[in-house]
């Protein structure tokens, strides 16, 4: 089932401000969509609105094109798994899983078939006659999933279902949930604050902060092309290194003058409009090159080394005192309290407007769009102004007008 949110907003009674507002989202059929964000960002509120547990103040919620704002939860063909297992302690696993079907007065043969089918999928067939108190936390979570699966819903909604499990069990259940999703071929909407869960499970991620969507896309889109500094810092562990500075004669220069980086040509085209202005440069720890042989080199003093087996995390300081994290393969030898040479991978630099936090060096396809646009519209540079995210809308608008003009031909 395709789920669409059009300009969705929620304001609780007695409050002046909206908790969430202007939420526009298309979740395709069979997507595993993860709504990710820090505590208080509005992700659970959004999920409860989709479930029908919270009313919608403004906007439209569509299931396969049908508006369901006023449709009761029981009629939305959804199933929800909560953070707490919410199992009835006096019932067996079988009865817990069958409960919703019994409430719908399904035939006993149908109930038995669906419960046993779900138990096989979840590998809990041996525990059908046990009570929740007699099984482990991971098995209880599977029972809660089974109770949702037997409904055969079109949409699964999950509100941080793994947060009560220990680290090893969470890792195992992440894989299991993806397998179950593929097996059932339904749409899943999953809420979490854990970016590891989002990156490993999702086909699409919705990253929220302060009641609004910061970025929507595949895990690798958010990782490789973060839309702003918040996304860059939230996605990835360890977090992206951010260095503040200024563009001077086409060179990124740190505020302390100790960092100098020459961006590649495609990035420079976006950065031209920011000459002399404050700009932040980001680079992920694994894209800093050990040995200082690639890109602009720099020296770093190693404070602390975290050994993780396959990799080492070097917590270091640049010459100007800027903290930086560097990830290197585990077999390389480094020592604390020593200075080493490293290099920036110029293909992996991210540039942001320091004042707004928005990304500057957008996708190279957009840059090519601009070049093609300027060939046919030499005056478009004035219309587009500085090369920032507005280029997308403005370029599309101009290109759209061009297409229309080319298609309209006189009859005579």
Protein backbone atom coordinates (compact mmCIF):
# COMPACT_ATOMS: atom_id res chain seq x y z
CA UNK A 1 0.00 0.00 0.00
CA UNK A 2 1.28 3.48 -0.88
CA UNK A 3 1.09 6.01 1.97
CA UNK A 4 1.07 9.73 1.16
CA UNK A 5 1.22 12.65 3.59
CA UNK A 6 0.27 16.00 2.10
CA UNK A 7 1.04 19.13 4.16
CA UNK A 8 0.33 17.25 7.41
CA UNK A 9 0.34 19.24 10.65
CA UNK A 10 -0.49 18.59 14.30
CA UNK A 11 -1.25 21.13 17.04
CA UNK A 12 -2.31 19.92 20.47
CA UNK A 13 -5.15 21.66 22.24
CA UNK A 14 -3.98 24.50 24.48
CA UNK A 15 -0.70 25.02 22.59
CA UNK A 16 0.02 27.94 20.30
CA UNK A 17 2.73 26.25 18.24
CA UNK A 18 2.37 23.24 15.95
CA UNK A 19 4.21 20.12 17.12
CA UNK A 20 4.81 19.13 13.50
CA UNK A 21 3.86 20.99 10.35
CA UNK A 22 4.25 20.99 6.56
CA UNK A 23 5.04 17.27 6.39
CA UNK A 24 5.01 16.07 2.77
CA UNK A 25 5.98 12.47 2.19
CA UNK A 26 5.40 9.66 -0.32
CA UNK A 27 6.05 6.13 0.99
CA UNK A 28 5.87 3.62 -1.85
CA UNK A 29 4.30 0.19 -1.68
CA UNK A 30 6.61 -2.38 0.00
CA UNK A 31 9.01 0.31 1.22
CA UNK A 32 10.72 -0.14 4.59
CA UNK A 33 10.56 3.50 5.64
CA UNK A 34 12.34 4.52 8.84
CA UNK A 35 11.36 7.78 10.56
CA UNK A 36 14.53 8.82 12.39
CA UNK A 37 15.32 11.69 14.73
CA UNK A 38 16.26 12.78 18.26
CA UNK A 39 13.84 12.66 21.18
CA UNK A 40 11.06 15.24 20.88
CA UNK A 41 11.40 15.75 17.11
CA UNK A 42 7.82 14.57 16.41
CA UNK A 43 8.50 11.14 14.89
CA UNK A 44 6.18 9.17 17.21
CA UNK A 45 3.47 11.82 16.85
CA UNK A 46 3.67 11.39 13.07
CA UNK A 47 3.44 7.59 13.36
CA UNK A 48 0.41 7.83 15.67
CA UNK A 49 -1.30 10.13 13.17
CA UNK A 50 -0.76 7.54 10.43
CA UNK A 51 -2.17 4.91 12.80
CA UNK A 52 -5.22 7.04 13.62
CA UNK A 53 -4.32 7.23 17.32
CA UNK A 54 -3.75 11.01 17.07
CA UNK A 55 -6.02 13.35 15.13
CA UNK A 56 -4.69 15.34 12.16
CA UNK A 57 -4.97 19.12 12.57
CA UNK A 58 -4.29 19.99 8.92
CA UNK A 59 -3.35 18.28 5.68
CA UNK A 60 -4.33 14.97 4.07
CA UNK A 61 -3.33 11.37 4.80
CA UNK A 62 -3.84 9.06 1.81
CA UNK A 63 -3.71 5.26 1.62
CA UNK A 64 -3.48 4.23 -2.06
CA UNK A 65 -5.02 7.59 -2.97
CA UNK A 66 -7.92 7.30 -0.49
CA UNK A 67 -8.17 10.01 2.18
CA UNK A 68 -8.25 8.37 5.62
CA UNK A 69 -8.05 11.35 8.00
CA UNK A 70 -11.37 10.47 9.62
CA UNK A 71 -11.20 6.68 9.17
CA UNK A 72 -10.96 4.79 12.53
CA UNK A 73 -7.75 2.87 13.22
CA UNK A 74 -9.51 -0.50 13.02
CA UNK A 75 -10.61 0.23 9.45
CA UNK A 76 -7.25 1.41 8.09
CA UNK A 77 -5.88 -2.12 7.46
CA UNK A 78 -2.80 -1.48 9.59
CA UNK A 79 -1.06 -3.26 12.47
CA UNK A 80 1.14 -1.61 15.08
CA UNK A 81 4.00 -2.91 17.21
CA UNK A 82 4.76 -0.80 20.29
CA UNK A 83 7.97 -0.19 22.23
CA UNK A 84 6.55 -2.18 25.15
CA UNK A 85 5.49 -5.67 24.13
CA UNK A 86 1.95 -5.09 25.46
CA UNK A 87 1.31 -8.84 25.87
CA UNK A 88 -1.44 -10.21 28.11
CA UNK A 89 0.47 -12.01 30.91
CA UNK A 90 -2.35 -14.47 31.68
CA UNK A 91 -2.62 -15.65 28.05
CA UNK A 92 -0.38 -18.11 26.22
CA UNK A 93 1.70 -17.03 23.24
CA UNK A 94 -0.90 -18.63 20.95
CA UNK A 95 -3.77 -16.72 22.57
CA UNK A 96 -1.85 -13.43 22.49
CA UNK A 97 -1.22 -13.81 18.77
CA UNK A 98 -4.80 -14.88 18.10
CA UNK A 99 -6.40 -12.12 20.19
CA UNK A 100 -7.09 -9.59 17.42
CA UNK A 101 -8.53 -12.27 15.15
CA UNK A 102 -10.82 -13.50 17.93
CA UNK A 103 -12.05 -9.96 18.43
CA UNK A 104 -12.92 -9.87 14.72
CA UNK A 105 -14.80 -13.19 15.08
CA UNK A 106 -12.64 -14.98 12.50
CA UNK A 107 -13.21 -18.71 12.03
CA UNK A 108 -11.12 -20.91 14.32
CA UNK A 109 -9.54 -22.70 11.35
CA UNK A 110 -8.37 -19.37 9.89
CA UNK A 111 -7.02 -18.25 13.27
CA UNK A 112 -5.12 -21.50 13.78
CA UNK A 113 -3.64 -21.36 10.27
CA UNK A 114 -2.47 -17.75 10.59
CA UNK A 115 -1.02 -18.12 14.09
CA UNK A 116 0.98 -21.20 13.13
CA UNK A 117 2.13 -19.57 9.88
CA UNK A 118 3.35 -16.48 11.78
CA UNK A 119 4.99 -18.65 14.44
CA UNK A 120 6.94 -20.49 11.71
CA UNK A 121 8.10 -17.19 10.19
CA UNK A 122 9.23 -15.93 13.60
CA UNK A 123 10.67 -19.25 14.76
CA UNK A 124 8.55 -19.40 17.95
CA UNK A 125 6.47 -22.51 17.18
CA UNK A 126 7.90 -24.30 20.23
CA UNK A 127 6.61 -21.57 22.58
CA UNK A 128 2.96 -21.30 21.46
CA UNK A 129 1.70 -22.79 24.72
CA UNK A 130 4.07 -20.84 27.01
CA UNK A 131 3.18 -17.72 28.97
CA UNK A 132 5.05 -14.43 28.25
CA UNK A 133 6.81 -14.70 31.64
CA UNK A 134 8.35 -18.02 30.57
CA UNK A 135 10.12 -16.72 27.45
CA UNK A 136 12.98 -14.28 26.80
CA UNK A 137 12.73 -10.61 25.85
CA UNK A 138 13.59 -11.33 22.23
CA UNK A 139 10.91 -14.02 22.05
CA UNK A 140 8.34 -11.67 23.57
CA UNK A 141 9.17 -9.11 20.90
CA UNK A 142 8.60 -11.79 18.27
CA UNK A 143 5.22 -12.58 19.80
CA UNK A 144 4.30 -8.90 19.55
CA UNK A 145 5.35 -8.99 15.89
CA UNK A 146 3.40 -12.19 15.38
CA UNK A 147 0.25 -10.57 16.76
CA UNK A 148 0.63 -7.92 14.04
CA UNK A 149 1.51 -10.41 11.27
CA UNK A 150 -1.60 -12.58 11.76
CA UNK A 151 -3.73 -9.58 10.84
CA UNK A 152 -2.16 -9.62 7.33
CA UNK A 153 -2.26 -5.82 7.22
CA UNK A 154 -1.33 -3.64 4.26
CA UNK A 155 0.89 -1.43 6.47
CA UNK A 156 3.05 -2.31 9.50
CA UNK A 157 3.73 0.50 11.98
CA UNK A 158 6.54 -0.02 14.49
CA UNK A 159 7.38 2.38 17.33
CA UNK A 160 10.96 1.67 18.53
CA UNK A 161 10.27 -2.07 18.93
CA UNK A 162 13.91 -2.99 19.65
CA UNK A 163 14.78 -0.36 22.26
CA UNK A 164 14.12 -2.70 25.22
CA UNK A 165 16.47 -5.41 23.93
CA UNK A 166 20.18 -5.83 24.69
CA UNK A 167 22.77 -4.92 22.02
CA UNK A 168 23.36 -8.47 20.73
CA UNK A 169 19.65 -9.22 20.47
CA UNK A 170 18.99 -5.87 18.74
CA UNK A 171 21.57 -6.77 16.11
CA UNK A 172 19.91 -10.15 15.54
CA UNK A 173 16.38 -8.71 15.42
CA UNK A 174 17.39 -6.05 12.89
CA UNK A 175 18.23 -8.80 10.42
CA UNK A 176 15.08 -10.74 11.31
CA UNK A 177 12.81 -7.73 10.77
CA UNK A 178 14.25 -7.11 7.30
CA UNK A 179 13.73 -10.79 6.42
CA UNK A 180 10.15 -10.68 7.68
CA UNK A 181 9.48 -7.49 5.70
CA UNK A 182 10.77 -9.09 2.49
CA UNK A 183 8.77 -12.25 3.15
CA UNK A 184 5.47 -10.45 3.79
CA UNK A 185 5.88 -7.91 0.93
CA UNK A 186 4.03 -5.14 2.78
CA UNK A 187 4.77 -1.50 3.55
CA UNK A 188 6.57 -0.93 6.85
CA UNK A 189 6.91 2.39 8.67
CA UNK A 190 9.39 2.17 11.55
CA UNK A 191 10.24 4.83 14.16
CA UNK A 192 13.61 4.96 15.92
CA UNK A 193 16.20 7.35 17.37
CA UNK A 194 19.01 4.90 16.52
CA UNK A 195 20.72 5.82 13.26
CA UNK A 196 22.34 2.35 13.09
CA UNK A 197 18.87 0.75 12.89
CA UNK A 198 17.88 3.24 10.19
CA UNK A 199 20.99 2.72 8.07
CA UNK A 200 20.92 -1.09 8.27
CA UNK A 201 17.17 -1.69 7.81
CA UNK A 202 15.62 1.08 5.73
CA UNK A 203 14.99 1.36 2.03
CA UNK A 204 14.13 5.03 2.72
CA UNK A 205 14.92 7.25 5.72
CA UNK A 206 12.93 10.28 6.89
CA UNK A 207 15.19 12.32 9.18
CA UNK A 208 13.25 14.75 11.39
CA UNK A 209 14.21 17.54 13.77
CA UNK A 210 12.07 20.15 15.55
CA UNK A 211 8.87 18.90 13.92
CA UNK A 212 10.05 19.11 10.31
CA UNK A 213 11.69 16.81 7.76
CA UNK A 214 15.39 17.56 7.30
CA UNK A 215 15.96 15.05 4.49
CA UNK A 216 14.22 12.09 2.84
CA UNK A 217 16.03 9.49 0.77
CA UNK A 218 17.92 6.21 0.74
CA UNK A 219 20.44 5.54 3.55
CA UNK A 220 23.38 6.16 1.21
CA UNK A 221 21.86 9.42 -0.09
CA UNK A 222 21.70 10.77 3.46
CA UNK A 223 25.20 9.48 4.20
CA UNK A 224 26.92 10.67 1.03
CA UNK A 225 24.91 13.84 0.30
CA UNK A 226 23.59 15.26 3.60
CA UNK A 227 21.26 18.22 2.94
CA UNK A 228 22.54 20.22 5.90
CA UNK A 229 24.89 20.15 8.89
CA UNK A 230 22.27 18.50 11.14
CA UNK A 231 21.94 15.53 8.76
CA UNK A 232 25.72 15.33 8.34
CA UNK A 233 26.27 15.11 12.10
CA UNK A 234 23.29 12.85 12.89
CA UNK A 235 23.99 10.20 10.23
CA UNK A 236 27.18 8.22 10.62
CA UNK A 237 29.17 6.94 13.58
CA UNK A 238 31.60 8.42 14.40
CA UNK A 239 30.11 11.72 13.32
CA UNK A 240 31.33 13.79 10.38
CA UNK A 241 34.18 16.23 11.05
CA UNK A 242 33.04 19.84 10.53
CA UNK A 243 35.63 22.62 10.14
CA UNK A 244 34.52 26.24 9.94
CA UNK A 245 36.36 28.68 7.69
CA UNK A 246 36.14 31.08 4.74
CA UNK A 247 36.60 30.83 0.97
CA UNK A 248 39.64 32.95 0.04
CA UNK A 249 40.72 33.05 -3.63
CA UNK A 250 39.07 29.68 -4.28
CA UNK A 251 40.74 28.02 -1.30
CA UNK A 252 38.90 26.87 1.83
CA UNK A 253 40.79 28.42 4.74
CA UNK A 254 40.12 27.57 8.38
CA UNK A 255 39.48 30.40 10.82
CA UNK A 256 42.90 29.86 12.42
CA UNK A 257 44.60 29.90 8.97
CA UNK A 258 46.09 26.45 9.73
CA UNK A 259 43.70 24.53 7.46
CA UNK A 260 43.89 25.08 3.69
CA UNK A 261 42.02 22.89 1.23
CA UNK A 262 41.77 23.28 -2.56
CA UNK A 263 38.29 21.95 -3.54
CA UNK A 264 37.93 20.03 -6.79
CA UNK A 265 36.65 21.89 -9.86
CA UNK A 266 33.00 20.80 -9.61
CA UNK A 267 32.81 21.92 -5.97
CA UNK A 268 34.44 25.24 -6.84
CA UNK A 269 31.61 26.05 -9.25
CA UNK A 270 29.17 25.90 -6.35
CA UNK A 271 31.55 27.77 -4.02
CA UNK A 272 32.19 30.75 -6.34
CA UNK A 273 29.21 32.60 -4.92
CA UNK A 274 30.62 32.19 -1.38
CA UNK A 275 33.96 33.89 -1.94
CA UNK A 276 34.89 35.75 1.25
CA UNK A 277 31.91 34.32 3.12
CA UNK A 278 31.81 31.88 6.07
CA UNK A 279 31.70 28.27 4.89
CA UNK A 280 31.90 24.97 6.82
CA UNK A 281 33.73 21.97 5.38
CA UNK A 282 32.79 18.43 6.33
CA UNK A 283 34.65 15.17 5.84
CA UNK A 284 33.86 11.71 7.20
CA UNK A 285 36.54 10.03 9.37
CA UNK A 286 37.06 7.15 6.91
CA UNK A 287 37.67 9.55 3.99
CA UNK A 288 40.78 11.06 5.57
CA UNK A 289 43.73 9.39 3.90
CA UNK A 290 46.50 7.99 6.09
CA UNK A 291 50.04 8.79 5.00
CA UNK A 292 49.11 12.24 3.66
CA UNK A 293 49.63 11.27 0.03
CA UNK A 294 46.23 12.24 -1.45
CA UNK A 295 44.70 15.69 -1.69
CA UNK A 296 45.82 18.53 0.58
CA UNK A 297 47.99 17.17 3.38
CA UNK A 298 47.94 18.14 7.04
CA UNK A 299 49.53 17.12 10.31
CA UNK A 300 47.54 15.87 13.32
CA UNK A 301 48.56 15.14 16.90
CA UNK A 302 47.02 11.87 18.17
CA UNK A 303 45.41 12.22 21.62
CA UNK A 304 43.48 8.96 21.99
CA UNK A 305 43.26 5.75 19.96
CA UNK A 306 40.16 3.53 20.08
CA UNK A 307 40.91 0.00 18.87
CA UNK A 308 37.83 -1.66 17.37
CA UNK A 309 39.52 -4.63 15.71
CA UNK A 310 38.88 -4.07 12.01
CA UNK A 311 39.53 -0.33 12.42
CA UNK A 312 41.10 2.21 14.75
CA UNK A 313 39.58 5.59 15.58
CA UNK A 314 42.18 8.30 16.06
CA UNK A 315 41.03 11.25 18.15
CA UNK A 316 43.43 13.98 17.08
CA UNK A 317 44.07 17.73 16.99
CA UNK A 318 45.06 19.80 13.98
CA UNK A 319 47.85 22.36 14.26
CA UNK A 320 45.34 25.11 15.04
CA UNK A 321 43.71 23.12 17.85
CA UNK A 322 40.68 21.85 15.86
CA UNK A 323 39.51 18.39 17.06
CA UNK A 324 39.21 15.77 14.34
CA UNK A 325 38.38 12.04 14.21
CA UNK A 326 40.21 9.79 11.74
CA UNK A 327 39.31 6.18 10.93
CA UNK A 328 42.11 3.90 9.73
CA UNK A 329 42.34 0.13 9.09
CA UNK A 330 43.01 -1.88 12.24
CA UNK A 331 46.31 -3.34 11.02
CA UNK A 332 48.01 0.07 10.76
CA UNK A 333 50.24 1.07 13.68
CA UNK A 334 49.75 4.47 15.33
CA UNK A 335 50.87 5.71 18.74
CA UNK A 336 49.28 8.22 21.09
CA UNK A 337 51.00 11.56 21.79
CA UNK A 338 52.66 11.62 18.38
CA UNK A 339 52.12 13.69 15.22
CA UNK A 340 51.35 12.06 11.85
CA UNK A 341 50.67 13.26 8.31
CA UNK A 342 47.26 12.77 6.68
CA UNK A 343 45.44 13.94 3.55
CA UNK A 344 41.91 15.10 2.65
CA UNK A 345 40.13 13.01 0.02
CA UNK A 346 38.97 15.83 -2.29
CA UNK A 347 36.20 13.63 -3.74
CA UNK A 348 34.64 13.31 -0.28
CA UNK A 349 34.36 16.94 0.87
CA UNK A 350 31.04 18.44 1.93
CA UNK A 351 30.56 22.22 2.01
CA UNK A 352 27.84 23.98 3.97
CA UNK A 353 26.65 27.56 4.39
CA UNK A 354 27.81 28.31 7.95
CA UNK A 355 24.94 30.73 8.61
CA UNK A 356 22.07 28.53 7.39
CA UNK A 357 23.68 25.08 7.70
CA UNK A 358 22.44 24.16 4.19
CA UNK A 359 24.56 22.17 1.75
CA UNK A 360 26.43 24.13 -0.94
CA UNK A 361 28.00 21.50 -3.22
CA UNK A 362 24.90 19.78 -4.55
CA UNK A 363 24.67 16.82 -6.91
CA UNK A 364 26.83 17.17 -10.03
CA UNK A 365 23.75 16.43 -12.14
CA UNK A 366 22.34 19.75 -10.97
CA UNK A 367 25.55 21.46 -11.96
CA UNK A 368 25.24 19.94 -15.43
CA UNK A 369 21.62 21.12 -15.53
CA UNK A 370 22.81 24.65 -14.83
CA UNK A 371 25.45 24.48 -17.57
CA UNK A 372 22.89 23.29 -20.13
CA UNK A 373 20.45 25.95 -18.98
CA UNK A 374 23.00 28.72 -19.46
CA UNK A 375 23.66 27.57 -23.04
CA UNK A 376 20.08 28.25 -24.06
CA UNK A 377 19.39 31.03 -21.51
CA UNK A 378 22.52 33.20 -21.08
CA UNK A 379 20.56 35.54 -18.81
CA UNK A 380 19.64 32.70 -16.44
CA UNK A 381 22.67 33.39 -14.20
CA UNK A 382 20.94 36.51 -12.94
CA UNK A 383 17.69 34.64 -12.35
CA UNK A 384 19.42 31.79 -10.50
CA UNK A 385 21.59 34.00 -8.32
CA UNK A 386 23.96 32.17 -6.00
CA UNK A 387 24.36 28.47 -6.60
CA UNK A 388 22.48 26.98 -3.65
CA UNK A 389 19.46 24.70 -3.29
CA UNK A 390 17.22 27.26 -4.99
CA UNK A 391 18.84 26.21 -8.27
CA UNK A 392 16.71 23.06 -8.22
CA UNK A 393 13.37 24.82 -8.18
CA UNK A 394 14.39 27.76 -10.34
CA UNK A 395 16.15 25.66 -12.97
CA UNK A 396 13.20 23.27 -13.16
CA UNK A 397 10.81 26.20 -13.46
CA UNK A 398 12.75 27.80 -16.34
CA UNK A 399 13.27 24.44 -18.06
CA UNK A 400 9.56 23.71 -17.74
CA UNK A 401 8.69 27.00 -19.41
CA UNK A 402 11.17 26.20 -22.21
CA UNK A 403 9.61 22.80 -22.87
CA UNK A 404 6.15 24.31 -23.02
CA UNK A 405 7.29 27.00 -25.46
CA UNK A 406 8.95 24.39 -27.71
CA UNK A 407 5.85 22.18 -27.75
CA UNK A 408 3.41 24.99 -28.68
CA UNK A 409 3.67 25.50 -32.46
CA UNK A 410 1.52 27.75 -34.68
CA UNK A 411 -0.93 26.00 -37.03
CA UNK A 412 -0.12 28.12 -40.10
